[in-house]
Amino acid sequence: MAACALRRGLLSTVSKYNSKQTHRLLSVADAGAGFEAYKLRLQCRTCGLSGDVQQRRFMSSRNRPEGKILETVGVFETVKQHGKYETGQLFLHSVFGYRGIVLFPWHARLYDRDITPPMSDSKPEPPGAHGSKEVKGKTHTYYQVLIDTRDCPHISQRSQTEAVTFLANHDDSRALYAIPGLDYVSHEDILPYNSAEQVPIHHELFERFLMYNPAKSPPFTARDTLKAWQEKNHPWLELSDVHRETTENIRVTVIPFYMGMREAQNSHVYWWRYCIRLENLGNEVVQLRERHWRIFSLSGTLETVRGRGVVGREPVLSKEQPAFQYSSHVSLQAPSGHMWGTFRIERTDGSHFDVRIPPFSLESNKDDKAPPAGYTF
């Protein structure tokens, strides 16, 4: 079973233990096709026993013909229900299963259309968007993280590992570059653990951004290069608004990012990146077949975009692998606009239904500085 399938059971199990008990955290290195993430086997060091269900999962994974290899990752820590994780916190992603480390937090406004709000502090609907209700935003913590490069091949079918992109700093107004293995993770997706390794995460930026300090907890602290990089790239990294809506057990989360402005053919072109996650909260297996976007620009134009799948894929969402995450880009010849739309989803019996993409704003930064030139130091 994948880590994503163990999420709810894992969290409920962890809550039954107290802070004096520690648990061994094991990962699976998948030698076969597809991604089965990490094997999370909780083992109480006090009695050395595991639950029957956890034991069955462990044995079935070990005996699969693909040839799984179990390796120790570290010691599981208590999930934080309140407060935030610090720079240097090691974690497993509870949905996609990869190993990562926290660089720094972002405090975003979450607009959840599944919650009926009071009239104050709400986001109004863009022109022509579906529905008419306003949505109240609440503060929610996300983290900028590094992904362990050893895990990137295993999650590439479920989540892009080069999703954080920037405008290139040269004449081509459409040129982009990506920083591989950089991600944004919601607080509830963090499964914290600790490790005795001084370099527990494999990533080219790990030792540039962090240093080992056994006197601290967690024992990895930010170098000056991380602080300088964060300050320099803050306008292009900042996560400010998150939008969420559920239709027939399919939850869509959208996070837009402003990337900057370029001049092209005597006009200004404004660029945004948007990250979308689809999650199947039910038991039925479904597949994304089509996308339908409406893009409104402050200049007065309304564009319609239809196509098969997303980023060249038509992902299947099942109970075992319930989530798919991707990023894409949009440009406008105006400093602001809105996007909304639907995904066409197919059931196993061939029937279809439309899942709403929550409307979200495309806003440019007021202090429109030049986009970053890279991450050299």
Protein backbone atom coordinates (compact mmCIF):
# COMPACT_ATOMS: atom_id res chain seq x y z
CA MET A 1 0.00 0.00 0.00
CA ALA A 2 1.20 3.50 -0.71
CA ALA A 3 1.78 6.11 1.95
CA CYS A 4 -1.16 8.05 0.58
CA ALA A 5 -3.45 5.11 1.37
CA LEU A 6 -2.10 4.91 4.92
CA ARG A 7 -2.54 8.59 5.73
CA ARG A 8 -5.76 8.49 7.75
CA GLY A 9 -4.93 5.24 9.52
CA LEU A 10 -1.44 6.45 10.32
CA LEU A 11 -2.57 9.70 11.87
CA SER A 12 -5.24 8.01 13.94
CA THR A 13 -2.71 5.42 15.12
CA VAL A 14 -0.10 8.01 16.04
CA SER A 15 -2.58 9.92 18.17
CA LYS A 16 -2.93 6.88 20.44
CA TYR A 17 0.72 7.01 21.47
CA ASN A 18 2.28 9.46 23.89
CA SER A 19 5.47 11.46 23.47
CA LYS A 20 7.53 9.03 25.58
CA GLN A 21 7.16 6.27 23.01
CA THR A 22 9.09 6.32 19.76
CA HIS A 23 8.34 4.55 16.53
CA ARG A 24 10.52 3.23 13.77
CA LEU A 25 9.85 4.71 10.37
CA LEU A 26 10.65 2.57 7.32
CA SER A 27 10.68 3.44 3.65
CA VAL A 28 10.27 1.41 0.52
CA ALA A 29 12.66 1.76 -2.40
CA ASP A 30 10.50 0.76 -5.35
CA ALA A 31 12.42 -1.27 -7.91
CA GLY A 32 9.37 -1.88 -10.08
CA ALA A 33 7.20 0.25 -12.33
CA GLY A 34 4.90 2.82 -10.72
CA PHE A 35 5.19 4.43 -7.32
CA GLU A 36 4.18 2.82 -4.07
CA ALA A 37 5.79 5.55 -1.95
CA TYR A 38 6.97 4.67 1.52
CA LYS A 39 6.12 1.86 3.83
CA LEU A 40 5.20 3.34 7.18
CA ARG A 41 5.44 0.65 9.81
CA LEU A 42 4.88 1.86 13.35
CA GLN A 43 6.76 -0.15 15.94
CA CYS A 44 6.60 0.61 19.63
CA ARG A 45 10.08 0.41 21.13
CA THR A 46 8.60 -0.25 24.56
CA CYS A 47 7.03 -3.59 23.63
CA GLY A 48 8.50 -4.19 20.14
CA LEU A 49 5.08 -5.06 18.72
CA SER A 50 3.34 -3.89 15.59
CA GLY A 51 -0.36 -4.07 14.77
CA ASP A 52 -1.56 -7.04 12.69
CA VAL A 53 -2.60 -4.82 9.81
CA GLN A 54 0.79 -3.10 9.71
CA GLN A 55 2.52 -6.49 9.81
CA ARG A 56 0.50 -7.77 6.86
CA ARG A 57 1.36 -4.69 4.83
CA PHE A 58 5.04 -5.15 5.58
CA MET A 59 5.05 -8.83 4.57
CA SER A 60 3.03 -8.31 1.41
CA SER A 61 5.39 -5.58 0.29
CA ARG A 62 8.48 -7.68 0.97
CA ASN A 63 7.14 -10.65 -0.99
CA ARG A 64 5.96 -8.78 -4.07
CA PRO A 65 7.70 -9.89 -7.30
CA GLU A 66 8.88 -6.36 -8.14
CA GLY A 67 11.50 -6.69 -5.41
CA LYS A 68 10.97 -4.10 -2.69
CA ILE A 69 13.80 -3.18 -0.36
CA LEU A 70 13.04 -1.85 3.12
CA GLU A 71 15.48 0.59 4.63
CA THR A 72 15.45 2.53 7.88
CA VAL A 73 14.79 6.24 7.43
CA GLY A 74 14.64 7.49 11.01
CA VAL A 75 12.47 7.83 14.08
CA PHE A 76 8.96 9.12 13.70
CA GLU A 77 8.01 12.24 15.69
CA THR A 78 4.68 13.49 16.97
CA VAL A 79 2.61 15.29 14.37
CA LYS A 80 2.09 18.95 15.34
CA GLN A 81 -1.57 19.80 15.67
CA HIS A 82 -0.72 23.39 16.64
CA GLY A 83 2.22 25.63 15.87
CA LYS A 84 4.57 25.23 12.94
CA TYR A 85 7.55 23.13 11.94
CA GLU A 86 10.96 24.77 12.03
CA THR A 87 13.62 25.12 9.35
CA GLY A 88 15.49 21.82 9.08
CA GLN A 89 12.54 19.57 9.98
CA LEU A 90 12.74 16.22 8.18
CA PHE A 91 9.44 14.76 7.00
CA LEU A 92 7.63 12.30 4.79
CA HIS A 93 4.90 13.70 2.55
CA SER A 94 1.70 12.04 3.74
CA VAL A 95 0.15 11.97 0.24
CA PHE A 96 3.06 11.50 -2.16
CA GLY A 97 5.39 9.71 0.24
CA TYR A 98 8.69 11.43 -0.59
CA ARG A 99 11.37 12.39 1.93
CA GLY A 100 11.92 16.12 2.35
CA ILE A 101 13.18 18.88 4.60
CA VAL A 102 11.56 22.21 5.54
CA LEU A 103 13.32 25.37 4.38
CA PHE A 104 10.89 28.01 5.70
CA PRO A 105 7.13 28.55 6.21
CA TRP A 106 4.57 30.59 4.26
CA HIS A 107 1.34 31.91 5.77
CA ALA A 108 -1.36 31.80 3.11
CA ARG A 109 -5.06 32.62 2.99
CA LEU A 110 -7.09 29.47 2.32
CA TYR A 111 -10.41 30.04 0.54
CA ASP A 112 -12.36 26.81 0.98
CA ARG A 113 -15.62 26.80 -0.98
CA ASP A 114 -16.78 23.71 0.92
CA ILE A 115 -17.24 25.87 4.02
CA THR A 116 -20.19 28.26 4.24
CA PRO A 117 -18.79 31.56 5.58
CA PRO A 118 -20.22 34.75 7.06
CA MET A 119 -20.35 37.70 4.69
CA SER A 120 -17.21 39.45 5.95
CA ASP A 121 -13.63 38.78 4.81
CA SER A 122 -14.73 37.01 1.64
CA LYS A 123 -13.52 36.73 -1.92
CA PRO A 124 -16.09 37.93 -4.50
CA GLU A 125 -16.78 35.87 -7.61
CA PRO A 126 -15.07 36.89 -10.88
CA PRO A 127 -17.32 37.81 -13.82
CA GLY A 128 -18.99 34.73 -15.28
CA ALA A 129 -17.68 32.25 -12.72
CA HIS A 130 -19.85 29.36 -11.57
CA GLY A 131 -21.82 29.88 -8.38
CA SER A 132 -22.44 33.12 -6.54
CA LYS A 133 -21.33 32.55 -2.97
CA GLU A 134 -18.49 34.44 -1.37
CA VAL A 135 -15.73 32.56 0.40
CA LYS A 136 -14.04 33.53 3.64
CA GLY A 137 -10.27 33.12 3.83
CA LYS A 138 -8.49 31.67 6.84
CA THR A 139 -4.78 31.61 7.58
CA HIS A 140 -3.09 28.34 6.71
CA THR A 141 0.59 27.32 6.93
CA TYR A 142 2.53 25.95 3.97
CA TYR A 143 6.23 25.14 3.76
CA GLN A 144 8.91 25.62 1.14
CA VAL A 145 10.73 22.28 1.06
CA LEU A 146 13.44 20.33 -0.70
CA ILE A 147 12.57 16.89 -2.10
CA ASP A 148 15.07 14.06 -1.78
CA THR A 149 16.30 13.43 -5.34
CA ARG A 150 16.35 9.67 -4.69
CA ASP A 151 12.56 9.80 -4.52
CA CYS A 152 11.90 11.96 -7.57
CA PRO A 153 11.68 9.04 -10.04
CA HIS A 154 9.05 7.37 -7.87
CA ILE A 155 6.72 10.37 -7.62
CA SER A 156 7.04 11.69 -11.17
CA GLN A 157 3.77 10.03 -12.23
CA ARG A 158 1.85 11.66 -9.37
CA SER A 159 3.54 15.00 -8.77
CA GLN A 160 5.90 17.13 -10.85
CA THR A 161 9.33 17.52 -9.30
CA GLU A 162 10.18 20.56 -11.45
CA ALA A 163 6.99 22.48 -10.72
CA VAL A 164 8.57 25.63 -9.25
CA THR A 165 9.53 27.73 -12.27
CA PHE A 166 10.83 31.24 -12.88
CA LEU A 167 11.05 33.58 -15.83
CA ALA A 168 14.46 33.39 -17.43
CA ASN A 169 16.41 36.63 -17.34
CA HIS A 170 17.04 37.16 -21.06
CA ASP A 171 15.35 38.40 -24.22
CA ASP A 172 12.99 35.44 -24.78
CA SER A 173 9.82 36.57 -22.97
CA ARG A 174 8.47 32.98 -22.85
CA ALA A 175 11.60 31.27 -21.54
CA LEU A 176 11.31 29.58 -18.14
CA TYR A 177 13.66 27.70 -15.88
CA ALA A 178 12.90 25.35 -13.03
CA ILE A 179 14.57 24.44 -9.76
CA PRO A 180 14.22 20.64 -9.52
CA GLY A 181 13.10 19.17 -6.22
CA LEU A 182 11.53 22.33 -4.78
CA ASP A 183 7.95 22.08 -3.52
CA TYR A 184 5.23 23.66 -1.38
CA VAL A 185 3.70 21.42 1.30
CA SER A 186 0.65 22.04 3.46
CA HIS A 187 1.04 21.68 7.23
CA GLU A 188 -1.26 18.64 7.42
CA ASP A 189 0.81 16.81 4.78
CA ILE A 190 3.92 16.82 6.98
CA LEU A 191 4.82 13.56 8.78
CA PRO A 192 7.87 14.59 10.84
CA TYR A 193 10.78 12.34 11.70
CA ASN A 194 14.37 12.65 12.85
CA SER A 195 17.54 10.97 11.65
CA ALA A 196 21.08 10.49 12.93
CA GLU A 197 22.49 11.17 9.45
CA GLN A 198 24.26 14.48 8.93
CA VAL A 199 23.12 14.56 5.28
CA PRO A 200 19.76 12.74 5.36
CA ILE A 201 18.37 14.44 2.22
CA HIS A 202 20.03 14.17 -1.19
CA HIS A 203 19.64 17.47 -3.05
CA GLU A 204 22.21 19.78 -4.63
CA LEU A 205 20.98 22.70 -2.50
CA PHE A 206 20.90 20.84 0.83
CA GLU A 207 24.43 21.70 1.94
CA ARG A 208 24.26 25.16 0.35
CA PHE A 209 21.14 26.04 2.32
CA LEU A 210 21.53 24.08 5.57
CA MET A 211 24.24 23.11 8.04
CA TYR A 212 24.35 20.34 10.62
CA ASN A 213 24.16 21.58 14.21
CA PRO A 214 23.65 18.77 16.76
CA ALA A 215 22.97 21.32 19.51
CA LYS A 216 19.73 22.35 17.80
CA SER A 217 16.42 20.56 17.37
CA PRO A 218 15.94 19.85 14.55
CA PRO A 219 19.73 19.64 14.04
CA PHE A 220 19.80 21.53 10.72
CA THR A 221 19.97 25.31 10.67
CA ALA A 222 19.74 27.84 7.83
CA ARG A 223 22.94 29.12 6.27
CA ASP A 224 23.22 32.75 5.23
CA THR A 225 22.85 31.60 1.60
CA LEU A 226 19.32 30.32 2.32
CA LYS A 227 18.33 33.57 4.01
CA ALA A 228 19.76 35.62 1.13
CA TRP A 229 18.06 33.41 -1.49
CA GLN A 230 14.71 33.66 0.31
CA GLU A 231 14.95 37.44 0.55
CA LYS A 232 16.04 37.88 -3.07
CA ASN A 233 13.34 35.61 -4.53
CA HIS A 234 10.54 36.42 -2.08
CA PRO A 235 8.22 38.08 -4.66
CA TRP A 236 8.41 35.04 -6.97
CA LEU A 237 8.27 32.34 -4.31
CA GLU A 238 5.60 33.84 -2.06
CA LEU A 239 2.48 31.78 -1.55
CA SER A 240 -0.41 34.07 -0.62
CA ASP A 241 -3.78 32.56 -1.67
CA VAL A 242 -4.98 28.94 -1.80
CA HIS A 243 -8.36 27.99 -3.30
CA ARG A 244 -10.19 24.72 -2.68
CA GLU A 245 -13.48 23.14 -3.78
CA THR A 246 -14.93 19.60 -3.76
CA THR A 247 -17.34 18.13 -6.32
CA GLU A 248 -18.62 14.54 -5.91
CA ASN A 249 -15.68 13.57 -3.66
CA ILE A 250 -13.06 15.07 -5.99
CA ARG A 251 -11.28 17.95 -4.27
CA VAL A 252 -9.41 20.50 -6.38
CA THR A 253 -6.85 22.82 -4.76
CA VAL A 254 -5.33 25.71 -6.71
CA ILE A 255 -2.36 27.88 -5.73
CA PRO A 256 -1.47 30.77 -8.08
CA PHE A 257 1.97 32.46 -8.12
CA TYR A 258 2.93 35.69 -9.84
CA MET A 259 6.14 35.25 -11.86
CA GLY A 260 6.81 38.73 -13.20
CA MET A 261 6.41 40.90 -16.28
CA ARG A 262 8.23 40.89 -19.61
CA GLU A 263 8.12 43.25 -22.55
CA ALA A 264 7.23 41.67 -25.89
CA GLN A 265 6.43 43.42 -29.17
CA ASN A 266 5.99 46.81 -27.50
CA SER A 267 3.56 45.45 -24.89
CA HIS A 268 3.76 44.14 -21.35
CA VAL A 269 3.18 40.42 -20.77
CA TYR A 270 2.41 39.31 -17.18
CA TRP A 271 3.08 35.71 -16.19
CA TRP A 272 1.65 33.43 -13.50
CA ARG A 273 2.27 29.87 -12.47
CA TYR A 274 -0.54 27.87 -10.91
CA CYS A 275 -0.26 24.59 -9.04
CA ILE A 276 -3.28 22.25 -9.01
CA ARG A 277 -3.89 19.18 -6.90
CA LEU A 278 -6.74 16.76 -7.48
CA GLU A 279 -7.66 14.36 -4.67
CA ASN A 280 -10.15 11.51 -4.72
CA LEU A 281 -11.77 11.52 -1.27
CA GLY A 282 -14.10 8.61 -2.10
CA ASN A 283 -13.72 4.91 -2.89
CA GLU A 284 -14.66 4.99 -6.57
CA VAL A 285 -11.89 4.80 -9.20
CA VAL A 286 -12.09 7.74 -11.63
CA GLN A 287 -9.97 9.21 -14.43
CA LEU A 288 -9.45 12.80 -15.53
CA ARG A 289 -10.27 13.08 -19.24
CA GLU A 290 -10.66 16.75 -20.18
CA ARG A 291 -10.05 20.28 -18.95
CA HIS A 292 -12.13 23.39 -19.66
CA TRP A 293 -10.73 26.78 -18.66
CA ARG A 294 -12.15 30.30 -18.75
CA ILE A 295 -9.53 33.06 -18.48
CA PHE A 296 -10.66 36.64 -17.93
CA SER A 297 -8.22 39.52 -18.33
CA LEU A 298 -8.53 43.01 -16.90
CA SER A 299 -8.11 44.23 -20.48
CA GLY A 300 -11.62 42.88 -21.11
CA THR A 301 -10.85 39.66 -22.97
CA LEU A 302 -12.39 36.29 -22.06
CA GLU A 303 -10.58 33.23 -23.39
CA THR A 304 -11.84 29.64 -23.43
CA VAL A 305 -9.39 26.72 -23.39
CA ARG A 306 -10.41 23.08 -23.86
CA GLY A 307 -8.23 20.02 -24.18
CA ARG A 308 -7.55 16.40 -23.31
CA GLY A 309 -6.11 15.71 -19.87
CA VAL A 310 -3.59 17.96 -18.14
CA VAL A 311 0.13 18.37 -18.91
CA GLY A 312 -0.15 15.51 -21.40
CA ARG A 313 -1.64 13.06 -18.91
CA GLU A 314 -5.02 11.62 -17.98
CA PRO A 315 -4.38 10.52 -14.40
CA VAL A 316 -6.35 7.80 -12.63
CA LEU A 317 -7.42 8.63 -9.07
CA SER A 318 -8.02 5.57 -6.89
CA LYS A 319 -8.12 4.75 -3.21
CA GLU A 320 -4.52 3.50 -3.41
CA GLN A 321 -3.25 6.51 -5.37
CA PRO A 322 -5.83 9.23 -4.71
CA ALA A 323 -3.92 12.36 -5.70
CA PHE A 324 -2.32 14.02 -8.72
CA GLN A 325 -0.50 17.35 -8.67
CA TYR A 326 0.81 19.47 -11.52
CA SER A 327 1.78 23.03 -12.44
CA SER A 328 1.13 25.10 -15.53
CA HIS A 329 1.42 28.71 -16.68
CA VAL A 330 -0.73 31.52 -18.03
CA SER A 331 0.16 34.94 -19.42
CA LEU A 332 -1.99 38.07 -19.85
CA GLN A 333 -1.43 41.44 -21.44
CA ALA A 334 -2.89 43.01 -18.31
CA PRO A 335 -1.67 43.15 -14.70
CA SER A 336 -4.57 41.10 -13.34
CA GLY A 337 -7.36 38.70 -14.22
CA HIS A 338 -9.26 35.60 -13.12
CA MET A 339 -9.38 31.90 -14.00
CA TRP A 340 -11.97 29.19 -13.36
CA GLY A 341 -13.25 26.08 -15.06
CA THR A 342 -13.99 22.36 -14.84
CA PHE A 343 -12.37 18.96 -15.21
CA ARG A 344 -14.31 16.23 -17.00
CA ILE A 345 -14.01 13.04 -14.92
CA GLU A 346 -14.86 9.53 -16.13
CA ARG A 347 -16.12 6.67 -13.94
CA THR A 348 -15.29 3.01 -14.54
CA ASP A 349 -18.75 2.44 -16.08
CA GLY A 350 -18.02 5.07 -18.75
CA SER A 351 -20.24 7.82 -17.31
CA HIS A 352 -18.88 11.34 -16.80
CA PHE A 353 -19.27 14.27 -14.44
CA ASP A 354 -17.71 17.73 -14.22
CA VAL A 355 -15.57 18.78 -11.27
CA ARG A 356 -15.41 22.51 -10.59
CA ILE A 357 -12.08 24.31 -10.48
CA PRO A 358 -12.46 27.07 -7.87
CA PRO A 359 -12.15 30.59 -9.32
CA PHE A 360 -8.93 32.34 -8.43
CA SER A 361 -7.39 35.74 -9.02
CA LEU A 362 -4.30 36.51 -11.05
CA GLU A 363 -2.72 39.51 -9.34
CA SER A 364 0.62 41.13 -10.12
CA ASN A 365 2.88 42.45 -7.38
CA LYS A 366 2.73 46.19 -6.84
CA ASP A 367 6.51 46.51 -6.58
CA ASP A 368 7.23 44.74 -9.84
CA LYS A 369 10.96 44.13 -9.59
CA ALA A 370 12.97 42.17 -12.13
CA PRO A 371 12.49 38.40 -11.91
CA PRO A 372 15.43 36.48 -10.45
CA ALA A 373 18.44 35.61 -12.56
CA GLY A 374 18.91 32.16 -11.02
CA TYR A 375 20.05 30.48 -7.85
CA THR A 376 23.79 30.98 -8.11
CA PHE A 377 25.66 32.10 -5.02
